Amino acid sequence: MRVLLQRVKNASVSVDGEIVGTIGHGYVLLVGVGHGDGEAQAAWLAQKIAGLRVFEDAEGKFNLSIQDAGGSALVVSQFTLYADTRKGRRPAFVDAALPEVAEPLVDRFGDLLRAEGVPVEMGVFGARMLVEIHNDGPVTIWLERE
């Protein structure tokens, strides 16, 4: 499982011109599911992200977690995180899990983040989404759990 975390001032996701999720400060989490991923990977990533200290304290140091900072998360499924671009000019996505496996795991990941005390908004799995991100910092971190 792969997550691209972006710290944001605010963010939203729309489908067909309608906003389906919006947050203030916090994280946009682009989530990819690969073959063999399951509950263990989702749980590890949720716990890691909930406790990750990438918000500044009063001295400007990365000492605060999303919970400490009172932030929220916007979770967006992103199978393209498993793009293989080693050959040719068109990416292959053979390492991405099938939708019937990935969708429930992305939903479970959101639930696990909520269980860690993080307010969560979700994109719509499989939809063509427009994601508006106001990156803060910018702070962008790649997390992966195999």
C-alpha atoms as a PDB file:
ATOM      1  CA  MET A   1       0.000   0.000   0.000  1.00  0.00           C
ATOM      2  CA  ARG A   2       1.278   3.435  -0.906  1.00  0.00           C
ATOM      3  CA  VAL A   3       0.257   6.846   0.364  1.00  0.00           C
ATOM      4  CA  LEU A   4       1.384  10.202  -0.926  1.00  0.00           C
ATOM      5  CA  LEU A   5       0.756  12.646   1.920  1.00  0.00           C
ATOM      6  CA  GLN A   6       0.485  16.355   1.240  1.00  0.00           C
ATOM      7  CA  ARG A   7       0.119  18.800   4.102  1.00  0.00           C
ATOM      8  CA  VAL A   8      -2.489  21.357   3.075  1.00  0.00           C
ATOM      9  CA  LYS A   9      -4.052  24.621   4.192  1.00  0.00           C
ATOM     10  CA  ASN A  10      -7.305  23.353   2.670  1.00  0.00           C
ATOM     11  CA  ALA A  11      -8.462  20.920   0.010  1.00  0.00           C
ATOM     12  CA  SER A  12     -11.554  19.593  -1.695  1.00  0.00           C
ATOM     13  CA  VAL A  13     -12.573  16.871  -4.099  1.00  0.00           C
ATOM     14  CA  SER A  14     -15.384  17.182  -6.653  1.00  0.00           C
ATOM     15  CA  VAL A  15     -17.158  14.703  -8.884  1.00  0.00           C
ATOM     16  CA  ASP A  16     -19.225  15.982 -11.808  1.00  0.00           C
ATOM     17  CA  GLY A  17     -18.975  19.541 -10.481  1.00  0.00           C
ATOM     18  CA  GLU A  18     -20.250  18.631  -7.008  1.00  0.00           C
ATOM     19  CA  ILE A  19     -17.969  18.823  -3.963  1.00  0.00           C
ATOM     20  CA  VAL A  20     -17.989  15.430  -2.234  1.00  0.00           C
ATOM     21  CA  GLY A  21     -15.314  16.151   0.379  1.00  0.00           C
ATOM     22  CA  THR A  22     -13.638  19.222   1.790  1.00  0.00           C
ATOM     23  CA  ILE A  23     -11.212  19.928   4.637  1.00  0.00           C
ATOM     24  CA  GLY A  24      -9.407  22.829   6.224  1.00  0.00           C
ATOM     25  CA  HIS A  25      -5.808  22.330   7.292  1.00  0.00           C
ATOM     26  CA  GLY A  26      -4.552  18.771   7.412  1.00  0.00           C
ATOM     27  CA  TYR A  27      -3.552  16.145   4.874  1.00  0.00           C
ATOM     28  CA  VAL A  28      -4.570  15.096   1.410  1.00  0.00           C
ATOM     29  CA  LEU A  29      -3.785  11.396   1.285  1.00  0.00           C
ATOM     30  CA  LEU A  30      -3.529   9.864  -2.176  1.00  0.00           C
ATOM     31  CA  VAL A  31      -3.873   6.121  -1.530  1.00  0.00           C
ATOM     32  CA  GLY A  32      -2.813   3.295  -3.840  1.00  0.00           C
ATOM     33  CA  VAL A  33      -3.442  -0.388  -3.207  1.00  0.00           C
ATOM     34  CA  GLY A  34      -1.217  -3.077  -4.661  1.00  0.00           C
ATOM     35  CA  HIS A  35      -1.484  -6.846  -4.960  1.00  0.00           C
ATOM     36  CA  GLY A  36      -1.260  -8.540  -1.584  1.00  0.00           C
ATOM     37  CA  ASP A  37      -2.178  -5.458   0.437  1.00  0.00           C
ATOM     38  CA  GLY A  38      -4.624  -5.930   3.280  1.00  0.00           C
ATOM     39  CA  GLU A  39      -5.665  -4.925   6.770  1.00  0.00           C
ATOM     40  CA  ALA A  40      -2.122  -5.014   8.181  1.00  0.00           C
ATOM     41  CA  GLN A  41      -0.806  -2.477   5.675  1.00  0.00           C
ATOM     42  CA  ALA A  42      -3.826  -0.202   6.078  1.00  0.00           C
ATOM     43  CA  ALA A  43      -3.617  -0.303   9.880  1.00  0.00           C
ATOM     44  CA  TRP A  44       0.124   0.412   9.931  1.00  0.00           C
ATOM     45  CA  LEU A  45      -0.238   3.364   7.553  1.00  0.00           C
ATOM     46  CA  ALA A  46      -3.222   4.822   9.439  1.00  0.00           C
ATOM     47  CA  GLN A  47      -1.352   4.664  12.738  1.00  0.00           C
ATOM     48  CA  LYS A  48       1.845   6.053  11.205  1.00  0.00           C
ATOM     49  CA  ILE A  49       0.048   8.956   9.516  1.00  0.00           C
ATOM     50  CA  ALA A  50      -2.025   9.823  12.589  1.00  0.00           C
ATOM     51  CA  GLY A  51       1.139  10.127  14.677  1.00  0.00           C
ATOM     52  CA  LEU A  52       3.449  11.662  12.073  1.00  0.00           C
ATOM     53  CA  ARG A  53       4.803  14.989  13.327  1.00  0.00           C
ATOM     54  CA  VAL A  54       4.918  17.358  10.350  1.00  0.00           C
ATOM     55  CA  PHE A  55       3.056  20.356  11.745  1.00  0.00           C
ATOM     56  CA  GLU A  56       5.069  23.161  13.304  1.00  0.00           C
ATOM     57  CA  ASP A  57       5.051  23.997  16.974  1.00  0.00           C
ATOM     58  CA  ALA A  58       5.466  27.543  18.328  1.00  0.00           C
ATOM     59  CA  GLU A  59       9.186  27.380  17.490  1.00  0.00           C
ATOM     60  CA  GLY A  60       8.596  26.345  13.884  1.00  0.00           C
ATOM     61  CA  LYS A  61       9.786  22.756  14.376  1.00  0.00           C
ATOM     62  CA  PHE A  62       7.968  19.647  13.111  1.00  0.00           C
ATOM     63  CA  ASN A  63       6.732  18.541  16.529  1.00  0.00           C
ATOM     64  CA  LEU A  64       2.947  18.304  16.097  1.00  0.00           C
ATOM     65  CA  SER A  65       0.846  15.488  14.679  1.00  0.00           C
ATOM     66  CA  ILE A  66      -2.368  16.034  12.751  1.00  0.00           C
ATOM     67  CA  GLN A  67      -4.246  15.330  15.980  1.00  0.00           C
ATOM     68  CA  ASP A  68      -2.169  17.886  17.914  1.00  0.00           C
ATOM     69  CA  ALA A  69      -2.782  20.460  15.168  1.00  0.00           C
ATOM     70  CA  GLY A  70      -6.537  19.759  15.028  1.00  0.00           C
ATOM     71  CA  GLY A  71      -6.351  18.842  11.333  1.00  0.00           C
ATOM     72  CA  SER A  72      -8.420  16.616   9.054  1.00  0.00           C
ATOM     73  CA  ALA A  73      -7.625  14.219   6.223  1.00  0.00           C
ATOM     74  CA  LEU A  74      -9.003  13.979   2.703  1.00  0.00           C
ATOM     75  CA  VAL A  75      -8.511  10.427   1.386  1.00  0.00           C
ATOM     76  CA  VAL A  76      -8.464   9.987  -2.393  1.00  0.00           C
ATOM     77  CA  SER A  77      -7.955   6.622  -4.094  1.00  0.00           C
ATOM     78  CA  GLN A  78      -5.097   6.773  -6.588  1.00  0.00           C
ATOM     79  CA  PHE A  79      -4.262   3.584  -8.497  1.00  0.00           C
ATOM     80  CA  THR A  80      -1.774   5.572 -10.591  1.00  0.00           C
ATOM     81  CA  LEU A  81       0.645   5.447  -7.632  1.00  0.00           C
ATOM     82  CA  TYR A  82       1.402   1.967  -8.967  1.00  0.00           C
ATOM     83  CA  ALA A  83       2.344   3.193 -12.452  1.00  0.00           C
ATOM     84  CA  ASP A  84       5.217   1.305 -14.055  1.00  0.00           C
ATOM     85  CA  THR A  85       6.990   3.596 -16.502  1.00  0.00           C
ATOM     86  CA  ARG A  86      10.135   1.555 -17.115  1.00  0.00           C
ATOM     87  CA  LYS A  87       9.141   0.593 -20.658  1.00  0.00           C
ATOM     88  CA  GLY A  88       7.619   2.654 -23.425  1.00  0.00           C
ATOM     89  CA  ARG A  89       5.705   5.881 -23.017  1.00  0.00           C
ATOM     90  CA  ARG A  90       2.423   4.616 -21.645  1.00  0.00           C
ATOM     91  CA  PRO A  91       2.398   3.624 -17.957  1.00  0.00           C
ATOM     92  CA  ALA A  92       1.318   0.114 -17.023  1.00  0.00           C
ATOM     93  CA  PHE A  93      -0.760  -0.430 -13.899  1.00  0.00           C
ATOM     94  CA  VAL A  94      -0.393  -4.198 -13.504  1.00  0.00           C
ATOM     95  CA  ASP A  95       0.875  -3.795  -9.923  1.00  0.00           C
ATOM     96  CA  ALA A  96      -2.307  -2.011  -8.790  1.00  0.00           C
ATOM     97  CA  ALA A  97      -4.919  -4.145  -7.068  1.00  0.00           C
ATOM     98  CA  LEU A  98      -8.207  -4.775  -8.855  1.00  0.00           C
ATOM     99  CA  PRO A  99     -11.028  -2.382  -7.911  1.00  0.00           C
ATOM    100  CA  GLU A 100     -12.961  -5.064  -6.026  1.00  0.00           C
ATOM    101  CA  VAL A 101      -9.936  -5.487  -3.731  1.00  0.00           C
ATOM    102  CA  ALA A 102      -8.773  -1.868  -3.589  1.00  0.00           C
ATOM    103  CA  GLU A 103     -12.078  -0.113  -2.896  1.00  0.00           C
ATOM    104  CA  PRO A 104     -12.890  -1.834   0.409  1.00  0.00           C
ATOM    105  CA  LEU A 105      -9.288  -1.408   1.561  1.00  0.00           C
ATOM    106  CA  VAL A 106      -9.280   2.330   0.825  1.00  0.00           C
ATOM    107  CA  ASP A 107     -12.567   2.608   2.753  1.00  0.00           C
ATOM    108  CA  ARG A 108     -11.066   0.582   5.609  1.00  0.00           C
ATOM    109  CA  PHE A 109      -8.013   2.848   5.653  1.00  0.00           C
ATOM    110  CA  GLY A 110     -10.347   5.838   6.118  1.00  0.00           C
ATOM    111  CA  ASP A 111     -12.116   4.042   8.968  1.00  0.00           C
ATOM    112  CA  LEU A 112      -8.788   3.214  10.631  1.00  0.00           C
ATOM    113  CA  LEU A 113      -7.731   6.875  10.449  1.00  0.00           C
ATOM    114  CA  ARG A 114     -11.031   7.857  12.062  1.00  0.00           C
ATOM    115  CA  ALA A 115     -10.363   5.287  14.809  1.00  0.00           C
ATOM    116  CA  GLU A 116      -7.062   7.106  15.441  1.00  0.00           C
ATOM    117  CA  GLY A 117      -9.048  10.302  16.074  1.00  0.00           C
ATOM    118  CA  VAL A 118      -8.517  11.964  12.698  1.00  0.00           C
ATOM    119  CA  PRO A 119     -11.601  13.501  11.020  1.00  0.00           C
ATOM    120  CA  VAL A 120     -11.748  12.051   7.495  1.00  0.00           C
ATOM    121  CA  GLU A 121     -13.449  13.046   4.251  1.00  0.00           C
ATOM    122  CA  MET A 122     -13.348  10.669   1.277  1.00  0.00           C
ATOM    123  CA  GLY A 123     -13.209  10.940  -2.484  1.00  0.00           C
ATOM    124  CA  VAL A 124     -15.346   8.629  -4.626  1.00  0.00           C
ATOM    125  CA  PHE A 125     -13.582   5.420  -5.604  1.00  0.00           C
ATOM    126  CA  GLY A 126     -13.286   4.953  -9.353  1.00  0.00           C
ATOM    127  CA  ALA A 127     -14.779   8.348 -10.185  1.00  0.00           C
ATOM    128  CA  ARG A 128     -13.071  10.980 -12.282  1.00  0.00           C
ATOM    129  CA  MET A 129     -12.299  13.456  -9.519  1.00  0.00           C
ATOM    130  CA  LEU A 130     -11.088  17.022  -9.487  1.00  0.00           C
ATOM    131  CA  VAL A 131      -8.886  17.492  -6.435  1.00  0.00           C
ATOM    132  CA  GLU A 132      -8.092  21.025  -5.334  1.00  0.00           C
ATOM    133  CA  ILE A 133      -5.051  21.146  -3.087  1.00  0.00           C
ATOM    134  CA  HIS A 134      -3.522  24.170  -1.375  1.00  0.00           C
ATOM    135  CA  ASN A 135      -0.235  22.559  -0.421  1.00  0.00           C
ATOM    136  CA  ASP A 136       1.266  23.925   2.779  1.00  0.00           C
ATOM    137  CA  GLY A 137       5.034  24.233   2.896  1.00  0.00           C
ATOM    138  CA  PRO A 138       5.038  22.417   0.580  1.00  0.00           C
ATOM    139  CA  VAL A 139       5.282  19.259   2.639  1.00  0.00           C
ATOM    140  CA  THR A 140       4.884  16.085   0.587  1.00  0.00           C
ATOM    141  CA  ILE A 141       5.833  12.663   1.994  1.00  0.00           C
ATOM    142  CA  TRP A 142       5.782   9.197   0.428  1.00  0.00           C
ATOM    143  CA  LEU A 143       4.767   6.353   2.756  1.00  0.00           C
ATOM    144  CA  GLU A 144       4.706   2.705   1.815  1.00  0.00           C
ATOM    145  CA  ARG A 145       4.018  -0.526   3.660  1.00  0.00           C
ATOM    146  CA  GLU A 146       4.525  -3.836   1.885  1.00  0.00           C
END
